[in-house]
């Protein structure tokens, strides 16, 4: 019984370490995503501000970057 407990304890430690590693990675990816969204918004704002009065008006709404891709969109290459 003690051997089983020791094995489970070690597995639990490994899982907690992996969870912490993934949490840090998720934080970094979230920070990177926030920077990219900010840059995109700045570019879109500059693009809209730079348009002349005769050109097409800028859309009143921004793309929802949190929405799920449509079913017709091409699948992304999700390699880590």
N, C-alpha and C. Protein backbone atom coordinates (compact mmCIF):
# COMPACT_ATOMS: atom_id res chain seq x y z
N UNK A 1 0.83 -1.20 0.00
CA UNK A 1 0.00 0.00 0.00
C UNK A 1 0.87 1.26 0.00
N UNK A 2 1.93 1.23 0.79
CA UNK A 2 2.83 2.39 0.85
C UNK A 2 3.50 2.64 -0.50
N UNK A 3 3.82 1.57 -1.20
CA UNK A 3 4.43 1.71 -2.53
C UNK A 3 3.46 2.38 -3.51
N UNK A 4 2.21 1.99 -3.45
CA UNK A 4 1.20 2.60 -4.31
C UNK A 4 1.05 4.08 -3.99
N UNK A 5 1.02 4.40 -2.69
CA UNK A 5 0.91 5.80 -2.29
C UNK A 5 2.10 6.61 -2.78
N UNK A 6 3.29 6.05 -2.69
CA UNK A 6 4.49 6.75 -3.16
C UNK A 6 4.42 6.99 -4.66
N UNK A 7 3.97 5.99 -5.39
CA UNK A 7 3.85 6.12 -6.83
C UNK A 7 2.83 7.19 -7.19
N UNK A 8 1.69 7.17 -6.52
CA UNK A 8 0.66 8.17 -6.77
C UNK A 8 1.14 9.57 -6.39
N UNK A 9 1.90 9.67 -5.31
CA UNK A 9 2.45 10.95 -4.89
C UNK A 9 3.38 11.51 -5.97
N UNK A 10 4.24 10.68 -6.51
CA UNK A 10 5.16 11.12 -7.56
C UNK A 10 4.41 11.52 -8.82
N UNK A 11 3.38 10.77 -9.17
CA UNK A 11 2.56 11.13 -10.33
C UNK A 11 1.88 12.48 -10.11
N UNK A 12 1.39 12.69 -8.91
CA UNK A 12 0.73 13.95 -8.58
C UNK A 12 1.72 15.11 -8.67
N UNK A 13 2.94 14.90 -8.19
CA UNK A 13 3.98 15.95 -8.28
C UNK A 13 4.27 16.28 -9.74
N UNK A 14 4.38 15.26 -10.56
CA UNK A 14 4.64 15.48 -11.98
C UNK A 14 3.50 16.26 -12.63
N UNK A 15 2.28 15.89 -12.30
CA UNK A 15 1.11 16.57 -12.86
C UNK A 15 1.10 18.03 -12.43
N UNK A 16 1.42 18.30 -11.18
CA UNK A 16 1.43 19.69 -10.70
C UNK A 16 2.53 20.50 -11.39
N UNK A 17 3.69 19.89 -11.61
CA UNK A 17 4.78 20.58 -12.32
C UNK A 17 4.37 20.88 -13.76
N UNK A 18 3.77 19.92 -14.42
CA UNK A 18 3.32 20.10 -15.79
C UNK A 18 2.22 21.17 -15.86
N UNK A 19 1.33 21.16 -14.89
CA UNK A 19 0.27 22.17 -14.83
C UNK A 19 0.87 23.56 -14.68
N UNK A 20 1.86 23.72 -13.85
CA UNK A 20 2.51 25.01 -13.66
C UNK A 20 3.21 25.46 -14.94
N UNK A 21 3.87 24.52 -15.62
CA UNK A 21 4.55 24.84 -16.87
C UNK A 21 3.54 25.32 -17.92
N UNK A 22 2.43 24.62 -18.01
CA UNK A 22 1.39 24.99 -18.98
C UNK A 22 0.72 26.31 -18.61
N UNK A 23 0.56 26.57 -17.32
CA UNK A 23 -0.02 27.84 -16.88
C UNK A 23 0.87 29.00 -17.27
N UNK A 24 2.20 28.84 -17.08
CA UNK A 24 3.14 29.90 -17.48
C UNK A 24 3.12 30.11 -18.99
N UNK A 25 3.06 29.01 -19.74
CA UNK A 25 3.00 29.11 -21.20
C UNK A 25 1.73 29.82 -21.64
N UNK A 26 0.61 29.49 -21.00
CA UNK A 26 -0.66 30.14 -21.34
C UNK A 26 -0.61 31.63 -21.03
N UNK A 27 0.03 32.01 -19.94
CA UNK A 27 0.17 33.43 -19.61
C UNK A 27 0.98 34.16 -20.68
N UNK A 28 2.08 33.54 -21.11
CA UNK A 28 2.91 34.16 -22.14
C UNK A 28 2.15 34.30 -23.46
N UNK A 29 1.41 33.27 -23.82
CA UNK A 29 0.62 33.32 -25.05
C UNK A 29 -0.48 34.38 -24.96
N UNK A 30 -1.08 34.51 -23.79
CA UNK A 30 -2.11 35.53 -23.60
C UNK A 30 -1.51 36.92 -23.73
N UNK A 31 -0.34 37.13 -23.15
CA UNK A 31 0.33 38.44 -23.27
C UNK A 31 0.66 38.74 -24.72
N UNK A 32 1.19 37.74 -25.42
CA UNK A 32 1.52 37.93 -26.84
C UNK A 32 0.25 38.25 -27.64
N UNK A 33 -0.83 37.55 -27.34
CA UNK A 33 -2.09 37.79 -28.04
C UNK A 33 -2.59 39.21 -27.78
N UNK A 34 -2.49 39.68 -26.56
CA UNK A 34 -2.93 41.04 -26.24
C UNK A 34 -2.12 42.08 -27.01
N UNK A 35 -0.81 41.85 -27.13
CA UNK A 35 0.04 42.77 -27.89
C UNK A 35 -0.38 42.78 -29.36
N UNK A 36 -0.59 41.59 -29.91
CA UNK A 36 -0.97 41.50 -31.32
C UNK A 36 -2.34 42.14 -31.59
N UNK A 37 -3.29 41.94 -30.69
CA UNK A 37 -4.61 42.56 -30.85
C UNK A 37 -4.47 44.08 -30.79
N UNK A 38 -3.66 44.56 -29.87
CA UNK A 38 -3.45 46.01 -29.74
C UNK A 38 -2.83 46.57 -31.02
N UNK A 39 -1.83 45.87 -31.56
CA UNK A 39 -1.20 46.31 -32.81
C UNK A 39 -2.20 46.31 -33.96
N UNK A 40 -3.03 45.29 -34.03
CA UNK A 40 -4.03 45.20 -35.09
C UNK A 40 -5.03 46.35 -34.98
N UNK A 41 -5.48 46.63 -33.77
CA UNK A 41 -6.42 47.74 -33.57
C UNK A 41 -5.80 49.07 -33.98
N UNK A 42 -4.51 49.26 -33.66
CA UNK A 42 -3.83 50.50 -34.04
C UNK A 42 -3.75 50.62 -35.55
N UNK A 43 -3.40 49.52 -36.22
CA UNK A 43 -3.31 49.55 -37.68
C UNK A 43 -4.66 49.83 -38.31
N UNK A 44 -5.71 49.21 -37.79
CA UNK A 44 -7.05 49.45 -38.32
C UNK A 44 -7.48 50.89 -38.08
N UNK A 45 -7.16 51.42 -36.92
CA UNK A 45 -7.53 52.81 -36.62
C UNK A 45 -6.78 53.77 -37.55
N UNK A 46 -5.50 53.51 -37.79
CA UNK A 46 -4.72 54.36 -38.70
C UNK A 46 -5.27 54.25 -40.11
N UNK A 47 -5.64 53.05 -40.51
CA UNK A 47 -6.18 52.83 -41.84
C UNK A 47 -7.49 53.60 -42.02
N UNK A 48 -8.34 53.55 -41.03
CA UNK A 48 -9.61 54.27 -41.09
C UNK A 48 -9.38 55.77 -41.07
N UNK A 49 -8.44 56.23 -40.25
CA UNK A 49 -8.17 57.66 -40.15
C UNK A 49 -7.54 58.19 -41.43
N UNK A 50 -6.80 57.35 -42.15
CA UNK A 50 -6.11 57.78 -43.35
C UNK A 50 -6.97 57.77 -44.60
N UNK A 51 -8.18 57.25 -44.52
CA UNK A 51 -9.04 57.19 -45.70
C UNK A 51 -9.61 58.57 -46.00
N UNK A 52 -9.73 58.86 -47.27
CA UNK A 52 -10.30 60.15 -47.67
C UNK A 52 -11.82 60.11 -47.58
N UNK A 53 -12.44 61.26 -47.69
CA UNK A 53 -13.90 61.35 -47.58
C UNK A 53 -14.61 60.65 -48.73
N UNK A 54 -13.93 60.51 -49.88
CA UNK A 54 -14.56 59.89 -51.05
C UNK A 54 -14.49 58.37 -51.04
N UNK A 55 -13.63 57.81 -50.21
CA UNK A 55 -13.49 56.35 -50.21
C UNK A 55 -14.57 55.71 -49.34
N UNK A 56 -14.59 54.39 -49.38
CA UNK A 56 -15.59 53.66 -48.59
C UNK A 56 -15.38 53.95 -47.11
N UNK A 57 -16.45 54.10 -46.37
CA UNK A 57 -16.31 54.35 -44.93
C UNK A 57 -15.81 53.11 -44.20
N UNK A 58 -15.13 53.34 -43.10
CA UNK A 58 -14.66 52.22 -42.28
C UNK A 58 -15.85 51.55 -41.61
N UNK A 59 -15.76 50.26 -41.39
CA UNK A 59 -16.85 49.59 -40.68
C UNK A 59 -16.96 50.13 -39.26
N UNK A 60 -18.17 50.25 -38.79
CA UNK A 60 -18.40 50.79 -37.45
C UNK A 60 -17.99 49.79 -36.38
N UNK A 61 -17.95 48.51 -36.76
CA UNK A 61 -17.61 47.50 -35.77
C UNK A 61 -16.31 46.83 -36.15
N UNK A 62 -15.57 46.45 -35.15
CA UNK A 62 -14.33 45.72 -35.35
C UNK A 62 -14.65 44.23 -35.45
N UNK A 63 -13.73 43.50 -36.01
CA UNK A 63 -13.88 42.05 -36.03
C UNK A 63 -13.86 41.54 -34.61
N UNK A 64 -14.66 40.53 -34.33
CA UNK A 64 -14.65 39.92 -33.01
C UNK A 64 -13.56 38.86 -33.02
N UNK A 65 -12.41 39.19 -32.41
CA UNK A 65 -11.27 38.28 -32.43
C UNK A 65 -11.46 37.11 -31.48
N UNK A 66 -12.48 37.16 -30.65
CA UNK A 66 -12.74 36.06 -29.73
C UNK A 66 -13.75 35.07 -30.28
N UNK A 67 -14.33 35.38 -31.44
CA UNK A 67 -15.33 34.48 -32.00
C UNK A 67 -14.66 33.26 -32.61
N UNK A 68 -15.43 32.21 -32.72
CA UNK A 68 -14.92 30.97 -33.30
C UNK A 68 -14.88 31.11 -34.81
N UNK A 69 -13.87 30.50 -35.45
CA UNK A 69 -13.81 30.58 -36.91
C UNK A 69 -15.02 29.89 -37.53
N UNK A 70 -15.41 30.35 -38.70
CA UNK A 70 -16.57 29.76 -39.35
C UNK A 70 -16.24 28.36 -39.85
N UNK A 71 -17.27 27.61 -40.12
CA UNK A 71 -17.08 26.22 -40.58
C UNK A 71 -16.43 26.18 -41.94
N UNK A 72 -16.53 27.26 -42.70
CA UNK A 72 -15.95 27.26 -44.04
C UNK A 72 -14.50 27.72 -44.05
N UNK A 73 -14.02 28.19 -42.91
CA UNK A 73 -12.64 28.67 -42.85
C UNK A 73 -11.68 27.49 -42.97
N UNK A 74 -10.51 27.78 -43.52
CA UNK A 74 -9.51 26.73 -43.65
C UNK A 74 -8.99 26.37 -42.27
N UNK A 75 -8.70 25.10 -42.01
CA UNK A 75 -8.17 24.71 -40.71
C UNK A 75 -6.75 25.26 -40.55
N UNK A 76 -6.44 25.68 -39.34
CA UNK A 76 -5.11 26.21 -39.09
C UNK A 76 -4.14 25.07 -38.80
N UNK A 77 -2.87 25.36 -38.99
CA UNK A 77 -1.83 24.39 -38.70
C UNK A 77 -1.41 24.60 -37.26
N UNK A 78 -1.91 23.80 -36.35
CA UNK A 78 -1.69 24.00 -34.92
C UNK A 78 -0.54 23.14 -34.43
N UNK A 79 0.67 23.57 -34.73
CA UNK A 79 1.84 22.85 -34.23
C UNK A 79 2.42 23.65 -33.09
N UNK A 80 2.89 22.96 -32.05
CA UNK A 80 3.50 23.66 -30.91
C UNK A 80 5.00 23.58 -31.00
